[in-house]
Structures are given as C-alpha cells and as structure tokens.
Amino acid sequence: MPYRFLAKLALVITLALSLSACGTIKSWFGKKETEKPPEVLAQEGIRLLRKKKYLDAAETFEKLKDRYPYSQEALLAQIKLADAYYYKREYEEALQAYKEFEKLHPTNPAVAYCIYRQGLCYYRQRSTIDRDQTFTAQALQEFQRLRQKYPQSAYAHKANKYIARCRRDLAAHEFYVGEFYFRTKHYSSALERFQNLAEEFPEFQPAKVKSYIAKCQVKIAHPEKKSGNFITNLFDARW
C-alpha cells in the first residue's frame, strides 16, 4: 500500500509540475510579446511591408494601434495599415483606412499623403473607356482636392499626371458614347455628348469634336434627308 500510495503521489506531483511549467512558458512568451515597445512594433511592421508580407504587416500595425493607441507610433500604424491594404490591392479597405486617418487627424501633415492615396485607390479601380467611369471621376475629384488644399505639397505635384490621365479617360469615354449615338442615329443624344465634351474637356481632339457637333446639327435640322442623298453624303465627306 505505501508503495502504491507513493507512486500515485509522485504521478500527481509530476503532472502538476508539468502543467505549471507549461503555464510558465505560456506566460513567459505572452509577457515578452506584450512588453515590446511601440517603436519596436513599428519597425517590425515596416520591415514586413518592405518584405511584401502585407498580411503580417497589417497584423503588426493593428497590434500596435490596440496596445499603444496614444503613442506617436500609433499614428504611423494607422497610415501603414492603410498602406498594407493598398499593396494587397484591397483598395476599398485601404480607402476607408486613409479616410479614417484624415477624419481623426485633419490637421496632421500626413493628410496630404492620405488624400493622394485615396485618389490612387479610386484610380487603380478604374475601367476601360467603354465602361462606367465612376472610379475615374472619383479619382479626379480626390486629386483635384489635394491640389486645391495642399498646392505646395510634393503629393500635389505627383497628382498632376493622374489628373491629366483621368481627364483624358473621361473625355475619351464621352467621345466613345457620342460616336455610338451618332452611328445609331440618335443625333440629339450625340449632340449633347459632344457639346458637353467640348465644354468640359476642350483640350480633347477639338477638331473632331467640332466636326461631330456640326454633323449632328445638320442631321437634326434635316431629318428627312436619307443617308443615300448625294448632297448629304458630299457634306459628310468634307468632315
């Protein structure tokens, strides 16, 4: 009996020590992780971004924000978290993160960068000129807002080329739709498109746009003239 009793007691003590050791190890690792200062977490997150480990970087910046919400590094983490989403091509998530930073810190110098990135988030989602141009229009709006609000910013200068590209795409879309209406003999709709194009984007192929406006006006003024009419064809050929 004493031997069995001692054996059981030894087993209980061994299990207790094992559980205690596991708890100590777990506690030790947890303590080490929570004691990382904000600057260390920031450095880790940036290093992960550079290595293109965007998911790990996002988790690190989230951790930094949660543990040290009032630190200077937390401000950096908010922007870098948005950057991680952007590089992962999760543009909607990135857009909301940039907007949140601008809303919470409207006087921070980094707002210019956030507006620039908002414009890029829209720009990266734009479609071809034969499709809906909502994202292109939104990108143009953000880039113009940046240039108006921070005209001396380096990001405002970077935005200039995107403004030109957005205007070109929007104009090309209007021209594409105008030509479609003209080919399908919806001359009033075509005329409206070309007139808007001439007014809003005067730099876009002005000679062609002016030609289409004149053709539409003739077609609308003389609807009874058929496409086989020699005089009409001769007039059209001049353009």
C-alpha atoms as a PDB file:
ATOM      1  CA  MET A   1       0.000   0.000   0.000  1.00  0.00           C
ATOM      2  CA  PRO A   2       2.654   2.595   0.868  1.00  0.00           C
ATOM      3  CA  TYR A   3       4.388   1.900  -2.431  1.00  0.00           C
ATOM      4  CA  ARG A   4       1.197   2.387  -4.435  1.00  0.00           C
ATOM      5  CA  PHE A   5       0.377   5.497  -2.487  1.00  0.00           C
ATOM      6  CA  LEU A   6       3.813   6.979  -3.112  1.00  0.00           C
ATOM      7  CA  ALA A   7       3.627   6.128  -6.806  1.00  0.00           C
ATOM      8  CA  LYS A   8       0.288   7.846  -7.160  1.00  0.00           C
ATOM      9  CA  LEU A   9       1.581  10.849  -5.232  1.00  0.00           C
ATOM     10  CA  ALA A  10       4.649  11.058  -7.465  1.00  0.00           C
ATOM     11  CA  LEU A  11       2.425  10.934 -10.557  1.00  0.00           C
ATOM     12  CA  VAL A  12       0.208  13.729  -9.253  1.00  0.00           C
ATOM     13  CA  ILE A  13       3.231  15.899  -8.444  1.00  0.00           C
ATOM     14  CA  THR A  14       4.752  15.262 -11.893  1.00  0.00           C
ATOM     15  CA  LEU A  15       1.546  16.249 -13.664  1.00  0.00           C
ATOM     16  CA  ALA A  16       1.208  19.333 -11.510  1.00  0.00           C
ATOM     17  CA  LEU A  17       4.766  20.392 -12.274  1.00  0.00           C
ATOM     18  CA  SER A  18       4.254  19.759 -15.977  1.00  0.00           C
ATOM     19  CA  LEU A  19       1.117  21.909 -16.075  1.00  0.00           C
ATOM     20  CA  SER A  20       2.841  24.580 -14.055  1.00  0.00           C
ATOM     21  CA  ALA A  21       5.802  24.573 -16.412  1.00  0.00           C
ATOM     22  CA  CYS A  22       3.517  24.873 -19.441  1.00  0.00           C
ATOM     23  CA  GLY A  23       1.726  27.769 -17.839  1.00  0.00           C
ATOM     24  CA  THR A  24       5.026  29.425 -17.024  1.00  0.00           C
ATOM     25  CA  ILE A  25       6.252  29.046 -20.587  1.00  0.00           C
ATOM     26  CA  LYS A  26       2.990  30.382 -21.971  1.00  0.00           C
ATOM     27  CA  SER A  27       3.053  33.262 -19.514  1.00  0.00           C
ATOM     28  CA  TRP A  28       6.673  33.987 -20.337  1.00  0.00           C
ATOM     29  CA  PHE A  29       6.046  34.137 -24.079  1.00  0.00           C
ATOM     30  CA  GLY A  30       2.930  36.265 -23.608  1.00  0.00           C
ATOM     31  CA  LYS A  31       4.776  38.650 -21.341  1.00  0.00           C
ATOM     32  CA  LYS A  32       7.611  39.009 -23.803  1.00  0.00           C
ATOM     33  CA  GLU A  33       5.187  39.825 -26.620  1.00  0.00           C
ATOM     34  CA  THR A  34       3.199  42.425 -24.678  1.00  0.00           C
ATOM     35  CA  GLU A  35       6.345  44.128 -23.450  1.00  0.00           C
ATOM     36  CA  LYS A  36       7.526  45.029 -26.951  1.00  0.00           C
ATOM     37  CA  PRO A  37       7.634  48.841 -27.014  1.00  0.00           C
ATOM     38  CA  PRO A  38       5.715  50.708 -29.738  1.00  0.00           C
ATOM     39  CA  GLU A  39       8.840  51.719 -31.635  1.00  0.00           C
ATOM     40  CA  VAL A  40       9.856  48.064 -31.957  1.00  0.00           C
ATOM     41  CA  LEU A  41       6.442  47.055 -33.258  1.00  0.00           C
ATOM     42  CA  ALA A  42       6.565  49.949 -35.726  1.00  0.00           C
ATOM     43  CA  GLN A  43       9.958  48.826 -37.003  1.00  0.00           C
ATOM     44  CA  GLU A  44       8.749  45.245 -37.347  1.00  0.00           C
ATOM     45  CA  GLY A  45       5.698  46.346 -39.303  1.00  0.00           C
ATOM     46  CA  ILE A  46       7.741  48.474 -41.681  1.00  0.00           C
ATOM     47  CA  ARG A  47      10.228  45.646 -42.193  1.00  0.00           C
ATOM     48  CA  LEU A  48       7.368  43.287 -43.057  1.00  0.00           C
ATOM     49  CA  LEU A  49       5.988  45.832 -45.524  1.00  0.00           C
ATOM     50  CA  ARG A  50       9.349  46.035 -47.260  1.00  0.00           C
ATOM     51  CA  LYS A  51       9.431  42.248 -47.499  1.00  0.00           C
ATOM     52  CA  LYS A  52       5.953  42.377 -49.069  1.00  0.00           C
ATOM     53  CA  LYS A  53       4.474  40.358 -46.214  1.00  0.00           C
ATOM     54  CA  TYR A  54       1.436  42.565 -46.195  1.00  0.00           C
ATOM     55  CA  LEU A  55      -0.848  40.392 -44.088  1.00  0.00           C
ATOM     56  CA  ASP A  56       1.751  40.066 -41.318  1.00  0.00           C
ATOM     57  CA  ALA A  57       2.465  43.776 -41.543  1.00  0.00           C
ATOM     58  CA  ALA A  58      -1.223  44.605 -41.177  1.00  0.00           C
ATOM     59  CA  GLU A  59      -1.494  42.387 -38.100  1.00  0.00           C
ATOM     60  CA  THR A  60       1.542  44.065 -36.547  1.00  0.00           C
ATOM     61  CA  PHE A  61       0.185  47.551 -37.134  1.00  0.00           C
ATOM     62  CA  GLU A  62      -3.202  46.522 -35.753  1.00  0.00           C
ATOM     63  CA  LYS A  63      -1.445  45.228 -32.641  1.00  0.00           C
ATOM     64  CA  LEU A  64       0.453  48.495 -32.280  1.00  0.00           C
ATOM     65  CA  LYS A  65      -2.745  50.526 -32.587  1.00  0.00           C
ATOM     66  CA  ASP A  66      -4.544  48.413 -29.992  1.00  0.00           C
ATOM     67  CA  ARG A  67      -1.766  48.325 -27.395  1.00  0.00           C
ATOM     68  CA  TYR A  68      -0.439  51.873 -27.679  1.00  0.00           C
ATOM     69  CA  PRO A  69      -3.352  53.959 -29.028  1.00  0.00           C
ATOM     70  CA  TYR A  70      -1.968  57.278 -27.741  1.00  0.00           C
ATOM     71  CA  SER A  71       1.603  56.869 -28.941  1.00  0.00           C
ATOM     72  CA  GLN A  72       3.165  58.634 -31.905  1.00  0.00           C
ATOM     73  CA  GLU A  73       3.797  55.226 -33.391  1.00  0.00           C
ATOM     74  CA  ALA A  74       0.043  54.575 -33.378  1.00  0.00           C
ATOM     75  CA  LEU A  75      -0.397  57.444 -35.842  1.00  0.00           C
ATOM     76  CA  LEU A  76       2.195  55.863 -38.084  1.00  0.00           C
ATOM     77  CA  ALA A  77       0.498  52.488 -37.694  1.00  0.00           C
ATOM     78  CA  GLN A  78      -2.827  53.888 -38.936  1.00  0.00           C
ATOM     79  CA  ILE A  79      -1.239  55.052 -42.176  1.00  0.00           C
ATOM     80  CA  LYS A  80       0.929  51.984 -42.636  1.00  0.00           C
ATOM     81  CA  LEU A  81      -2.048  49.713 -42.058  1.00  0.00           C
ATOM     82  CA  ALA A  82      -3.783  51.512 -44.928  1.00  0.00           C
ATOM     83  CA  ASP A  83      -0.618  51.077 -47.000  1.00  0.00           C
ATOM     84  CA  ALA A  84      -0.636  47.339 -46.305  1.00  0.00           C
ATOM     85  CA  TYR A  85      -4.206  47.104 -47.613  1.00  0.00           C
ATOM     86  CA  TYR A  86      -3.253  49.179 -50.652  1.00  0.00           C
ATOM     87  CA  TYR A  87      -0.301  46.975 -51.572  1.00  0.00           C
ATOM     88  CA  LYS A  88      -2.512  43.904 -51.138  1.00  0.00           C
ATOM     89  CA  ARG A  89      -4.829  45.553 -53.700  1.00  0.00           C
ATOM     90  CA  GLU A  90      -7.637  45.668 -51.173  1.00  0.00           C
ATOM     91  CA  TYR A  91      -8.487  49.166 -52.315  1.00  0.00           C
ATOM     92  CA  GLU A  92     -11.799  49.581 -50.523  1.00  0.00           C
ATOM     93  CA  GLU A  93     -10.243  48.673 -47.165  1.00  0.00           C
ATOM     94  CA  ALA A  94      -7.291  50.942 -47.843  1.00  0.00           C
ATOM     95  CA  LEU A  95      -9.593  53.770 -48.862  1.00  0.00           C
ATOM     96  CA  GLN A  96     -11.563  53.566 -45.626  1.00  0.00           C
ATOM     97  CA  ALA A  97      -8.365  53.490 -43.563  1.00  0.00           C
ATOM     98  CA  TYR A  98      -6.974  56.597 -45.283  1.00  0.00           C
ATOM     99  CA  LYS A  99     -10.302  58.379 -44.860  1.00  0.00           C
ATOM    100  CA  GLU A 100     -10.409  57.458 -41.185  1.00  0.00           C
ATOM    101  CA  PHE A 101      -6.966  58.939 -40.593  1.00  0.00           C
ATOM    102  CA  GLU A 102      -7.972  62.178 -42.348  1.00  0.00           C
ATOM    103  CA  LYS A 103     -11.168  62.374 -40.297  1.00  0.00           C
ATOM    104  CA  LEU A 104      -9.438  61.751 -36.965  1.00  0.00           C
ATOM    105  CA  HIS A 105      -6.371  63.919 -37.641  1.00  0.00           C
ATOM    106  CA  PRO A 106      -7.456  66.684 -40.043  1.00  0.00           C
ATOM    107  CA  THR A 107      -4.510  68.964 -39.214  1.00  0.00           C
ATOM    108  CA  ASN A 108      -1.814  66.305 -39.387  1.00  0.00           C
ATOM    109  CA  PRO A 109       0.791  66.921 -42.152  1.00  0.00           C
ATOM    110  CA  ALA A 110       0.266  63.350 -43.352  1.00  0.00           C
ATOM    111  CA  VAL A 111      -3.257  64.203 -44.550  1.00  0.00           C
ATOM    112  CA  ALA A 112      -1.853  65.278 -47.928  1.00  0.00           C
ATOM    113  CA  TYR A 113      -0.401  61.803 -48.362  1.00  0.00           C
ATOM    114  CA  CYS A 114      -3.710  60.211 -47.329  1.00  0.00           C
ATOM    115  CA  ILE A 115      -5.685  62.222 -49.885  1.00  0.00           C
ATOM    116  CA  TYR A 116      -3.165  61.283 -52.559  1.00  0.00           C
ATOM    117  CA  ARG A 117      -3.576  57.628 -51.672  1.00  0.00           C
ATOM    118  CA  GLN A 118      -7.353  57.941 -51.690  1.00  0.00           C
ATOM    119  CA  GLY A 119      -7.097  59.181 -55.244  1.00  0.00           C
ATOM    120  CA  LEU A 120      -4.884  56.228 -56.144  1.00  0.00           C
ATOM    121  CA  CYS A 121      -7.325  53.773 -54.568  1.00  0.00           C
ATOM    122  CA  TYR A 122     -10.023  55.024 -56.932  1.00  0.00           C
ATOM    123  CA  TYR A 123      -7.609  55.277 -59.854  1.00  0.00           C
ATOM    124  CA  ARG A 124      -6.474  51.651 -59.537  1.00  0.00           C
ATOM    125  CA  GLN A 125     -10.098  50.508 -59.823  1.00  0.00           C
ATOM    126  CA  ARG A 126     -10.969  52.439 -62.964  1.00  0.00           C
ATOM    127  CA  SER A 127     -12.163  50.591 -66.042  1.00  0.00           C
ATOM    128  CA  THR A 128     -11.656  50.917 -69.805  1.00  0.00           C
ATOM    129  CA  ILE A 129     -13.202  53.870 -71.635  1.00  0.00           C
ATOM    130  CA  ASP A 130     -16.136  51.804 -72.907  1.00  0.00           C
ATOM    131  CA  ARG A 131     -17.248  51.067 -69.342  1.00  0.00           C
ATOM    132  CA  ASP A 132     -18.594  53.082 -66.433  1.00  0.00           C
ATOM    133  CA  GLN A 133     -16.159  55.819 -65.358  1.00  0.00           C
ATOM    134  CA  THR A 134     -17.314  56.345 -61.765  1.00  0.00           C
ATOM    135  CA  PHE A 135     -13.940  55.409 -60.275  1.00  0.00           C
ATOM    136  CA  THR A 136     -12.123  57.655 -62.733  1.00  0.00           C
ATOM    137  CA  ALA A 137     -14.342  60.594 -61.785  1.00  0.00           C
ATOM    138  CA  GLN A 138     -13.825  59.926 -58.070  1.00  0.00           C
ATOM    139  CA  ALA A 139     -10.064  59.703 -58.544  1.00  0.00           C
ATOM    140  CA  LEU A 140     -10.063  63.018 -60.388  1.00  0.00           C
ATOM    141  CA  GLN A 141     -12.083  64.609 -57.591  1.00  0.00           C
ATOM    142  CA  GLU A 142      -9.601  63.466 -54.929  1.00  0.00           C
ATOM    143  CA  PHE A 143      -6.537  64.556 -56.884  1.00  0.00           C
ATOM    144  CA  GLN A 144      -8.075  67.963 -57.513  1.00  0.00           C
ATOM    145  CA  ARG A 145      -8.992  68.276 -53.841  1.00  0.00           C
ATOM    146  CA  LEU A 146      -5.404  67.519 -52.934  1.00  0.00           C
ATOM    147  CA  ARG A 147      -4.088  70.160 -55.314  1.00  0.00           C
ATOM    148  CA  GLN A 148      -6.548  72.730 -54.011  1.00  0.00           C
ATOM    149  CA  LYS A 149      -5.974  72.007 -50.309  1.00  0.00           C
ATOM    150  CA  TYR A 150      -2.215  71.400 -50.397  1.00  0.00           C
ATOM    151  CA  PRO A 151      -0.928  73.117 -53.541  1.00  0.00           C
ATOM    152  CA  GLN A 152       2.679  73.176 -52.317  1.00  0.00           C
ATOM    153  CA  SER A 153       2.756  69.522 -51.326  1.00  0.00           C
ATOM    154  CA  ALA A 154       5.011  67.123 -53.207  1.00  0.00           C
ATOM    155  CA  TYR A 155       1.999  64.840 -53.472  1.00  0.00           C
ATOM    156  CA  ALA A 156       0.022  67.567 -55.217  1.00  0.00           C
ATOM    157  CA  HIS A 157       2.732  67.698 -57.875  1.00  0.00           C
ATOM    158  CA  LYS A 158       2.609  63.923 -58.204  1.00  0.00           C
ATOM    159  CA  ALA A 159      -1.156  64.127 -58.633  1.00  0.00           C
ATOM    160  CA  ASN A 160      -0.860  66.321 -61.732  1.00  0.00           C
ATOM    161  CA  LYS A 161      -0.087  63.419 -64.053  1.00  0.00           C
ATOM    162  CA  TYR A 162      -3.033  61.440 -62.706  1.00  0.00           C
ATOM    163  CA  ILE A 163      -5.314  64.429 -63.165  1.00  0.00           C
ATOM    164  CA  ALA A 164      -4.282  64.563 -66.820  1.00  0.00           C
ATOM    165  CA  ARG A 165      -4.869  60.827 -67.254  1.00  0.00           C
ATOM    166  CA  CYS A 166      -8.278  60.942 -65.583  1.00  0.00           C
ATOM    167  CA  ARG A 167      -9.387  63.857 -67.746  1.00  0.00           C
ATOM    168  CA  ARG A 168      -8.176  62.033 -70.842  1.00  0.00           C
ATOM    169  CA  ASP A 169     -10.093  58.874 -69.926  1.00  0.00           C
ATOM    170  CA  LEU A 170     -13.278  60.741 -69.065  1.00  0.00           C
ATOM    171  CA  ALA A 171     -13.098  62.683 -72.317  1.00  0.00           C
ATOM    172  CA  ALA A 172     -12.414  59.530 -74.321  1.00  0.00           C
ATOM    173  CA  HIS A 173     -15.439  57.899 -72.713  1.00  0.00           C
ATOM    174  CA  GLU A 174     -17.680  60.822 -73.662  1.00  0.00           C
ATOM    175  CA  PHE A 175     -16.331  60.695 -77.215  1.00  0.00           C
ATOM    176  CA  TYR A 176     -16.907  56.942 -77.392  1.00  0.00           C
ATOM    177  CA  VAL A 177     -20.531  57.295 -76.266  1.00  0.00           C
ATOM    178  CA  GLY A 178     -21.093  60.256 -78.595  1.00  0.00           C
ATOM    179  CA  GLU A 179     -19.846  58.241 -81.581  1.00  0.00           C
ATOM    180  CA  PHE A 180     -22.072  55.345 -80.582  1.00  0.00           C
ATOM    181  CA  TYR A 181     -25.149  57.587 -80.520  1.00  0.00           C
ATOM    182  CA  PHE A 182     -24.172  59.080 -83.862  1.00  0.00           C
ATOM    183  CA  ARG A 183     -23.721  55.670 -85.504  1.00  0.00           C
ATOM    184  CA  THR A 184     -27.093  54.516 -84.183  1.00  0.00           C
ATOM    185  CA  LYS A 185     -28.694  57.756 -85.457  1.00  0.00           C
ATOM    186  CA  HIS A 186     -29.564  59.170 -82.039  1.00  0.00           C
ATOM    187  CA  TYR A 187     -28.345  62.565 -83.121  1.00  0.00           C
ATOM    188  CA  SER A 188     -29.797  64.636 -80.289  1.00  0.00           C
ATOM    189  CA  SER A 189     -28.111  62.458 -77.694  1.00  0.00           C
ATOM    190  CA  ALA A 190     -24.883  62.508 -79.687  1.00  0.00           C
ATOM    191  CA  LEU A 191     -25.000  66.288 -79.963  1.00  0.00           C
ATOM    192  CA  GLU A 192     -25.466  66.633 -76.211  1.00  0.00           C
ATOM    193  CA  ARG A 193     -22.459  64.409 -75.557  1.00  0.00           C
ATOM    194  CA  PHE A 194     -20.186  66.234 -77.969  1.00  0.00           C
ATOM    195  CA  GLN A 195     -21.244  69.654 -76.700  1.00  0.00           C
ATOM    196  CA  ASN A 196     -20.554  68.620 -73.112  1.00  0.00           C
ATOM    197  CA  LEU A 197     -17.235  67.218 -74.252  1.00  0.00           C
ATOM    198  CA  ALA A 198     -16.270  70.487 -75.936  1.00  0.00           C
ATOM    199  CA  GLU A 199     -17.234  72.446 -72.823  1.00  0.00           C
ATOM    200  CA  GLU A 200     -15.678  70.259 -70.111  1.00  0.00           C
ATOM    201  CA  PHE A 201     -12.652  68.884 -71.983  1.00  0.00           C
ATOM    202  CA  PRO A 202     -11.750  71.476 -74.634  1.00  0.00           C
ATOM    203  CA  GLU A 203      -8.248  70.006 -74.952  1.00  0.00           C
ATOM    204  CA  PHE A 204      -9.556  66.655 -76.252  1.00  0.00           C
ATOM    205  CA  GLN A 205      -9.458  66.384 -80.080  1.00  0.00           C
ATOM    206  CA  PRO A 206     -11.198  69.743 -80.623  1.00  0.00           C
ATOM    207  CA  ALA A 207     -11.328  69.427 -84.424  1.00  0.00           C
ATOM    208  CA  LYS A 208     -13.078  66.039 -84.350  1.00  0.00           C
ATOM    209  CA  VAL A 209     -15.498  67.125 -81.665  1.00  0.00           C
ATOM    210  CA  LYS A 210     -16.390  70.282 -83.592  1.00  0.00           C
ATOM    211  CA  SER A 211     -16.922  68.188 -86.710  1.00  0.00           C
ATOM    212  CA  TYR A 212     -19.327  65.845 -84.948  1.00  0.00           C
ATOM    213  CA  ILE A 213     -21.254  68.764 -83.475  1.00  0.00           C
ATOM    214  CA  ALA A 214     -21.756  70.185 -86.957  1.00  0.00           C
ATOM    215  CA  LYS A 215     -22.819  66.819 -88.375  1.00  0.00           C
ATOM    216  CA  CYS A 216     -25.333  66.286 -85.569  1.00  0.00           C
ATOM    217  CA  GLN A 217     -26.814  69.729 -86.076  1.00  0.00           C
ATOM    218  CA  VAL A 218     -27.281  69.063 -89.800  1.00  0.00           C
ATOM    219  CA  LYS A 219     -28.898  65.680 -89.130  1.00  0.00           C
ATOM    220  CA  ILE A 220     -31.253  67.200 -86.577  1.00  0.00           C
ATOM    221  CA  ALA A 221     -32.118  70.159 -88.820  1.00  0.00           C
ATOM    222  CA  HIS A 222     -32.843  67.936 -91.828  1.00  0.00           C
ATOM    223  CA  PRO A 223     -34.222  64.640 -90.519  1.00  0.00           C
ATOM    224  CA  GLU A 224     -35.983  63.897 -93.821  1.00  0.00           C
ATOM    225  CA  LYS A 225     -32.706  63.602 -95.716  1.00  0.00           C
ATOM    226  CA  LYS A 226     -31.697  59.976 -96.187  1.00  0.00           C
ATOM    227  CA  SER A 227     -28.199  58.618 -95.884  1.00  0.00           C
ATOM    228  CA  GLY A 228     -28.254  57.870 -99.631  1.00  0.00           C
ATOM    229  CA  ASN A 229     -28.797  61.541-100.528  1.00  0.00           C
ATOM    230  CA  PHE A 230     -25.900  62.733-102.641  1.00  0.00           C
ATOM    231  CA  ILE A 231     -25.727  66.247-101.156  1.00  0.00           C
ATOM    232  CA  THR A 232     -25.738  64.932 -97.553  1.00  0.00           C
ATOM    233  CA  ASN A 233     -23.052  62.401 -98.355  1.00  0.00           C
ATOM    234  CA  LEU A 234     -20.959  65.048-100.001  1.00  0.00           C
ATOM    235  CA  PHE A 235     -21.314  67.298 -96.923  1.00  0.00           C
ATOM    236  CA  ASP A 236     -20.413  64.427 -94.597  1.00  0.00           C
ATOM    237  CA  ALA A 237     -17.377  63.567 -96.686  1.00  0.00           C
ATOM    238  CA  ARG A 238     -15.957  67.054 -96.104  1.00  0.00           C
ATOM    239  CA  TRP A 239     -15.742  66.290 -92.373  1.00  0.00           C
END
